[in-house]
Amino acid sequence: MVCDRDREVPAEVIDRLCELATWAPNHKRTWPWRFAAFSGDGRLRLGEACCQDLIDSGSTDEAKLAKVATKYARTPTVLVVGCAADDHPTFHDENRDAVAAGIQNLLLGATAEGLASFWSTAPVLEGARTLELCGFEPGVRIIGMIYLGWSADASLASERPPVAVRHITR
């Protein structure tokens, strides 16, 4: 992903993308998605919280910690997308699926807006410091760290293998 690091992504665009995410199928209408957008110095605060969560989980890898501390500044905006927990195991899994489907909607919307995007995994999915910084309630799982910025090149999507579909009529 190559993006213009100096061009901010307006809050209205982020809000539209998050609304698109909420149109994903959601069994039992639990509305599990949680969103927190980081820009400016907030991206470095996100890196600090993620580092502390890694340390709290036992990580001592200095190179990894250094990378996590600064990597969220690679793009103008990082959107953290979380999923509310549910006591019912099936609903818990379905909520995660709904949030993942919502992220797909968001990524398609970002492309339509002319944004470059990248879906990454959080260093710690339920890191207490990151959840607190995001304003998420305890028990939320982070499903994606979405890097967003205005595309700086006309890069094409990577090639995909051909799709094999079996059409069964009887």
Protein backbone atom coordinates (compact mmCIF):
# COMPACT_ATOMS: atom_id res chain seq x y z
CA MET A 1 0.00 0.00 0.00
CA VAL A 2 1.47 3.32 -1.04
CA CYS A 3 -0.33 6.36 0.30
CA ASP A 4 0.13 10.09 0.65
CA ARG A 5 1.20 10.34 4.31
CA ASP A 6 0.55 14.07 4.44
CA ARG A 7 -3.06 14.05 3.25
CA GLU A 8 -5.52 13.54 6.09
CA VAL A 9 -8.59 11.37 5.75
CA PRO A 10 -11.55 13.54 6.83
CA ALA A 11 -13.63 12.39 9.80
CA GLU A 12 -16.75 12.42 7.59
CA VAL A 13 -15.16 9.82 5.29
CA ILE A 14 -14.25 7.62 8.26
CA ASP A 15 -17.79 7.96 9.62
CA ARG A 16 -19.27 6.92 6.24
CA LEU A 17 -16.98 3.90 6.08
CA CYS A 18 -17.94 2.82 9.60
CA GLU A 19 -21.62 3.18 8.73
CA LEU A 20 -21.05 0.97 5.67
CA ALA A 21 -19.58 -1.66 8.00
CA THR A 22 -22.79 -1.75 10.03
CA TRP A 23 -24.75 -2.89 6.97
CA ALA A 24 -23.11 -6.31 7.17
CA PRO A 25 -25.38 -9.22 8.13
CA ASN A 26 -25.76 -9.47 11.90
CA HIS A 27 -27.71 -12.43 13.29
CA LYS A 28 -29.85 -11.52 16.30
CA ARG A 29 -29.05 -7.83 15.65
CA THR A 30 -26.48 -7.62 18.40
CA TRP A 31 -24.69 -4.68 16.69
CA PRO A 32 -21.27 -5.94 17.81
CA TRP A 33 -18.94 -3.55 15.93
CA ARG A 34 -16.85 -1.00 17.77
CA PHE A 35 -14.76 1.69 16.04
CA ALA A 36 -11.95 4.03 17.06
CA ALA A 37 -10.11 6.20 14.52
CA PHE A 38 -6.56 7.39 15.17
CA SER A 39 -4.79 10.19 13.32
CA GLY A 40 -2.06 12.71 14.13
CA ASP A 41 -0.29 11.99 17.41
CA GLY A 42 -3.10 9.59 18.31
CA ARG A 43 -1.43 7.00 16.05
CA LEU A 44 1.69 7.10 18.25
CA ARG A 45 -0.45 6.78 21.37
CA LEU A 46 -2.00 3.69 19.75
CA GLY A 47 1.48 2.28 19.17
CA GLU A 48 2.42 2.93 22.81
CA ALA A 49 -0.72 1.17 24.08
CA CYS A 50 -0.11 -1.81 21.80
CA CYS A 51 3.51 -2.02 23.01
CA GLN A 52 2.40 -2.00 26.63
CA ASP A 53 -0.11 -4.77 25.88
CA LEU A 54 2.69 -6.80 24.27
CA ILE A 55 4.91 -6.26 27.31
CA ASP A 56 2.01 -7.18 29.62
CA SER A 57 1.57 -10.41 27.62
CA GLY A 58 5.25 -11.30 28.17
CA SER A 59 6.93 -10.02 25.01
CA THR A 60 10.56 -9.00 25.38
CA ASP A 61 11.42 -8.79 21.66
CA GLU A 62 12.90 -5.28 21.44
CA ALA A 63 12.80 -5.20 17.61
CA LYS A 64 9.10 -6.10 17.57
CA LEU A 65 8.30 -3.54 20.27
CA ALA A 66 10.17 -0.82 18.37
CA LYS A 67 8.26 -1.66 15.19
CA VAL A 68 4.87 -1.66 16.92
CA ALA A 69 5.62 1.69 18.57
CA THR A 70 5.88 3.49 15.22
CA LYS A 71 4.10 1.43 12.56
CA TYR A 72 0.70 3.08 12.97
CA ALA A 73 2.19 6.36 11.72
CA ARG A 74 2.67 4.81 8.25
CA THR A 75 -0.70 6.12 7.10
CA PRO A 76 -2.74 9.21 7.99
CA THR A 77 -5.44 7.16 9.73
CA VAL A 78 -5.63 3.84 11.53
CA LEU A 79 -9.09 2.54 12.29
CA VAL A 80 -9.35 -0.01 15.07
CA VAL A 81 -12.38 -2.26 14.64
CA GLY A 82 -13.49 -4.31 17.59
CA CYS A 83 -16.16 -6.89 18.28
CA ALA A 84 -18.34 -6.97 21.39
CA ALA A 85 -18.28 -10.21 23.32
CA ASP A 86 -21.35 -12.35 23.90
CA ASP A 87 -21.87 -14.94 26.63
CA HIS A 88 -23.56 -17.31 24.18
CA PRO A 89 -20.78 -19.16 22.29
CA THR A 90 -22.66 -19.23 18.97
CA PHE A 91 -23.53 -15.52 19.13
CA HIS A 92 -19.93 -14.77 20.14
CA ASP A 93 -18.69 -16.44 16.94
CA GLU A 94 -21.44 -14.91 14.81
CA ASN A 95 -20.54 -11.45 16.12
CA ARG A 96 -16.97 -11.91 14.98
CA ASP A 97 -18.20 -13.02 11.56
CA ALA A 98 -20.47 -9.96 11.34
CA VAL A 99 -17.59 -7.62 12.21
CA ALA A 100 -15.32 -9.30 9.64
CA ALA A 101 -18.06 -8.91 7.00
CA GLY A 102 -18.41 -5.29 8.09
CA ILE A 103 -14.69 -4.72 7.61
CA GLN A 104 -15.03 -6.07 4.07
CA ASN A 105 -17.80 -3.53 3.42
CA LEU A 106 -15.57 -0.82 4.86
CA LEU A 107 -12.62 -1.82 2.67
CA LEU A 108 -14.78 -1.83 -0.47
CA GLY A 109 -16.09 1.61 0.49
CA ALA A 110 -12.55 2.86 1.08
CA THR A 111 -11.56 1.73 -2.41
CA ALA A 112 -14.62 3.48 -3.86
CA GLU A 113 -13.55 6.68 -2.07
CA GLY A 114 -10.07 6.45 -3.65
CA LEU A 115 -8.36 5.37 -0.45
CA ALA A 116 -5.61 2.81 -0.13
CA SER A 117 -6.35 0.37 2.69
CA PHE A 118 -4.76 -2.52 4.53
CA TRP A 119 -6.33 -4.88 7.09
CA SER A 120 -3.86 -5.89 9.79
CA THR A 121 -4.13 -7.92 12.98
CA ALA A 122 -3.65 -6.23 16.35
CA PRO A 123 -0.53 -7.25 18.31
CA VAL A 124 -2.79 -8.35 21.20
CA LEU A 125 -6.45 -8.97 20.35
CA GLU A 126 -7.80 -8.16 23.81
CA GLY A 127 -5.09 -5.85 25.13
CA ALA A 128 -6.48 -3.91 28.07
CA ARG A 129 -4.48 -0.73 27.35
CA THR A 130 -5.48 -0.63 23.69
CA LEU A 131 -9.13 -1.33 24.51
CA GLU A 132 -9.12 1.48 27.07
CA LEU A 133 -7.47 3.93 24.65
CA CYS A 134 -10.10 3.04 22.04
CA GLY A 135 -12.91 3.53 24.55
CA PHE A 136 -14.02 -0.08 24.10
CA GLU A 137 -15.58 -1.99 26.95
CA PRO A 138 -13.64 -4.90 28.53
CA GLY A 139 -14.08 -8.16 26.64
CA VAL A 140 -14.08 -6.56 23.18
CA ARG A 141 -11.79 -8.36 20.72
CA ILE A 142 -9.90 -6.34 18.15
CA ILE A 143 -10.71 -7.82 14.75
CA GLY A 144 -8.77 -5.40 12.60
CA MET A 145 -6.34 -2.51 12.53
CA ILE A 146 -7.25 -0.83 9.25
CA TYR A 147 -4.62 1.44 7.71
CA LEU A 148 -6.22 4.17 5.55
CA GLY A 149 -4.73 6.86 3.33
CA TRP A 150 -5.16 8.46 -0.06
CA SER A 151 -3.55 6.36 -2.74
CA ALA A 152 -0.26 7.80 -4.01
CA ASP A 153 0.01 5.49 -7.01
CA ALA A 154 -2.15 3.56 -9.39
CA SER A 155 -1.12 0.15 -8.08
CA LEU A 156 -3.27 -2.72 -9.23
CA ALA A 157 -4.74 -5.41 -7.05
CA SER A 158 -2.67 -8.57 -6.89
CA GLU A 159 -3.65 -11.39 -9.21
CA ARG A 160 -5.90 -14.12 -7.91
CA PRO A 161 -6.03 -17.77 -8.97
CA PRO A 162 -8.97 -18.71 -11.20
CA VAL A 163 -12.16 -19.52 -9.34
CA ALA A 164 -13.54 -23.02 -9.70
CA VAL A 165 -17.30 -23.21 -9.26
CA ARG A 166 -19.14 -26.50 -9.48
CA HIS A 167 -22.61 -25.92 -10.86
CA ILE A 168 -24.92 -28.70 -9.76
CA THR A 169 -28.39 -28.81 -11.23
CA ARG A 170 -29.55 -32.22 -10.00
